[in-house]
Each structure stands twice: as C-alpha cells, then as structure tokens.
Amino acid sequence: MLRIRRRVGERIVIGDGIIVEIIGVEPNAVRIGIDAPRDVPVYREELWKAVQAENLAAASPDVRLPAPDDPPAG
C-alpha cells in the first residue's frame, strides 16, 4: 500500500483521469473529493462490501426462489 501525506487543497493523480483532493481534516475524519470519469465506479468500501456480499448470497445455490403458485411470504 502506498501511503502519501497531503495537506488540505493538495491532490493525488491516479492514472489518466482520477484526481483525489483533500478537502478538509478534522480530529477523527478526513474529507476527500474524487474526480473520476463517469465510467469509473467509485464506492465507499463498506457499501462495496455489502453489495459484494449480497451478490454472493444471490448467486448461492442454496437460495430457493418461490414457485409461481407458492403463497406470498409474510
């Protein structure tokens, strides 16, 4: 993992079009701005992990989908 020190207003350039800028620094948080092309997805890690877990669960062969004549759950 590359670790870089930056101050408020300083930027990091990743590849040919991703810019990460330090917007603010607080005692327990750092605010960043990310400028990336629209075709590059940008997620917060906790959301990305949740989506990956849901996708994995949905792809599991243990999941039983209701048959068309099953009564509604609830």
C-alpha atoms as a PDB file:
ATOM      1  CA  MET A   1       0.000   0.000   0.000  1.00  0.00           C
ATOM      2  CA  LEU A   2       1.300   3.417  -0.963  1.00  0.00           C
ATOM      3  CA  ARG A   3       0.946   6.000   1.798  1.00  0.00           C
ATOM      4  CA  ILE A   4       1.245   9.682   0.947  1.00  0.00           C
ATOM      5  CA  ARG A   5       0.963  12.712   3.181  1.00  0.00           C
ATOM      6  CA  ARG A   6      -1.157  15.512   1.783  1.00  0.00           C
ATOM      7  CA  ARG A   7      -2.422  18.790   3.184  1.00  0.00           C
ATOM      8  CA  VAL A   8      -5.790  20.432   2.617  1.00  0.00           C
ATOM      9  CA  GLY A   9      -6.054  21.528  -1.008  1.00  0.00           C
ATOM     10  CA  GLU A  10      -3.376  19.133  -2.240  1.00  0.00           C
ATOM     11  CA  ARG A  11      -4.183  16.435  -4.777  1.00  0.00           C
ATOM     12  CA  ILE A  12      -3.177  12.961  -5.871  1.00  0.00           C
ATOM     13  CA  VAL A  13      -3.493  11.905  -9.511  1.00  0.00           C
ATOM     14  CA  ILE A  14      -4.253   8.244 -10.260  1.00  0.00           C
ATOM     15  CA  GLY A  15      -3.871   7.051 -13.828  1.00  0.00           C
ATOM     16  CA  ASP A  16      -5.205   9.145 -16.676  1.00  0.00           C
ATOM     17  CA  GLY A  17      -8.176  10.788 -15.096  1.00  0.00           C
ATOM     18  CA  ILE A  18      -8.704  10.203 -11.394  1.00  0.00           C
ATOM     19  CA  ILE A  19      -7.902  13.051  -9.032  1.00  0.00           C
ATOM     20  CA  VAL A  20      -8.257  12.782  -5.257  1.00  0.00           C
ATOM     21  CA  GLU A  21      -8.212  16.090  -3.381  1.00  0.00           C
ATOM     22  CA  ILE A  22      -8.014  16.628   0.364  1.00  0.00           C
ATOM     23  CA  ILE A  23     -10.961  18.886   1.202  1.00  0.00           C
ATOM     24  CA  GLY A  24     -10.709  19.026   4.978  1.00  0.00           C
ATOM     25  CA  VAL A  25      -9.120  17.423   8.013  1.00  0.00           C
ATOM     26  CA  GLU A  26     -10.924  17.081  11.338  1.00  0.00           C
ATOM     27  CA  PRO A  27      -9.860  15.270  14.522  1.00  0.00           C
ATOM     28  CA  ASN A  28     -11.499  11.962  13.529  1.00  0.00           C
ATOM     29  CA  ALA A  29     -12.169  12.348   9.821  1.00  0.00           C
ATOM     30  CA  VAL A  30     -10.666  13.392   6.524  1.00  0.00           C
ATOM     31  CA  ARG A  31     -12.913  14.792   3.804  1.00  0.00           C
ATOM     32  CA  ILE A  32     -11.811  13.989   0.268  1.00  0.00           C
ATOM     33  CA  GLY A  33     -13.095  14.873  -3.160  1.00  0.00           C
ATOM     34  CA  ILE A  34     -12.776  12.428  -6.033  1.00  0.00           C
ATOM     35  CA  ASP A  35     -12.888  13.483  -9.668  1.00  0.00           C
ATOM     36  CA  ALA A  36     -13.148  10.427 -11.913  1.00  0.00           C
ATOM     37  CA  PRO A  37     -14.546   9.654 -15.359  1.00  0.00           C
ATOM     38  CA  ARG A  38     -18.217   8.595 -15.333  1.00  0.00           C
ATOM     39  CA  ASP A  39     -17.312   5.096 -16.489  1.00  0.00           C
ATOM     40  CA  VAL A  40     -15.152   4.502 -13.390  1.00  0.00           C
ATOM     41  CA  PRO A  41     -17.255   3.369 -10.421  1.00  0.00           C
ATOM     42  CA  VAL A  42     -16.339   4.922  -7.068  1.00  0.00           C
ATOM     43  CA  TYR A  43     -17.753   3.376  -3.882  1.00  0.00           C
ATOM     44  CA  ARG A  44     -17.257   3.732  -0.170  1.00  0.00           C
ATOM     45  CA  GLU A  45     -15.671   0.475   0.964  1.00  0.00           C
ATOM     46  CA  GLU A  46     -18.454  -0.515   3.359  1.00  0.00           C
ATOM     47  CA  LEU A  47     -21.076  -0.157   0.595  1.00  0.00           C
ATOM     48  CA  TRP A  48     -18.938  -2.077  -1.891  1.00  0.00           C
ATOM     49  CA  LYS A  49     -18.504  -4.924   0.614  1.00  0.00           C
ATOM     50  CA  ALA A  50     -22.263  -5.020   1.308  1.00  0.00           C
ATOM     51  CA  VAL A  51     -23.066  -5.203  -2.410  1.00  0.00           C
ATOM     52  CA  GLN A  52     -20.478  -7.951  -2.908  1.00  0.00           C
ATOM     53  CA  ALA A  53     -21.956  -9.952  -0.024  1.00  0.00           C
ATOM     54  CA  GLU A  54     -25.479  -9.607  -1.455  1.00  0.00           C
ATOM     55  CA  ASN A  55     -24.277 -10.670  -4.901  1.00  0.00           C
ATOM     56  CA  LEU A  56     -22.528 -13.689  -3.434  1.00  0.00           C
ATOM     57  CA  ALA A  57     -25.638 -14.667  -1.452  1.00  0.00           C
ATOM     58  CA  ALA A  58     -27.840 -14.272  -4.530  1.00  0.00           C
ATOM     59  CA  ALA A  59     -25.520 -16.485  -6.567  1.00  0.00           C
ATOM     60  CA  SER A  60     -25.516 -19.192  -3.906  1.00  0.00           C
ATOM     61  CA  PRO A  61     -27.192 -22.452  -4.995  1.00  0.00           C
ATOM     62  CA  ASP A  62     -28.826 -22.646  -1.524  1.00  0.00           C
ATOM     63  CA  VAL A  63     -31.194 -19.800  -2.353  1.00  0.00           C
ATOM     64  CA  ARG A  64     -34.714 -21.066  -3.080  1.00  0.00           C
ATOM     65  CA  LEU A  65     -36.856 -18.856  -5.260  1.00  0.00           C
ATOM     66  CA  PRO A  66     -40.606 -19.156  -4.719  1.00  0.00           C
ATOM     67  CA  ALA A  67     -42.581 -21.046  -7.319  1.00  0.00           C
ATOM     68  CA  PRO A  68     -45.317 -19.092  -9.130  1.00  0.00           C
ATOM     69  CA  ASP A  69     -48.034 -20.975  -7.195  1.00  0.00           C
ATOM     70  CA  ASP A  70     -46.419 -20.507  -3.716  1.00  0.00           C
ATOM     71  CA  PRO A  71     -48.426 -18.316  -1.318  1.00  0.00           C
ATOM     72  CA  PRO A  72     -46.863 -14.908  -0.645  1.00  0.00           C
ATOM     73  CA  ALA A  73     -44.468 -14.744   2.301  1.00  0.00           C
ATOM     74  CA  GLY A  74     -45.326 -12.551   5.210  1.00  0.00           C
END
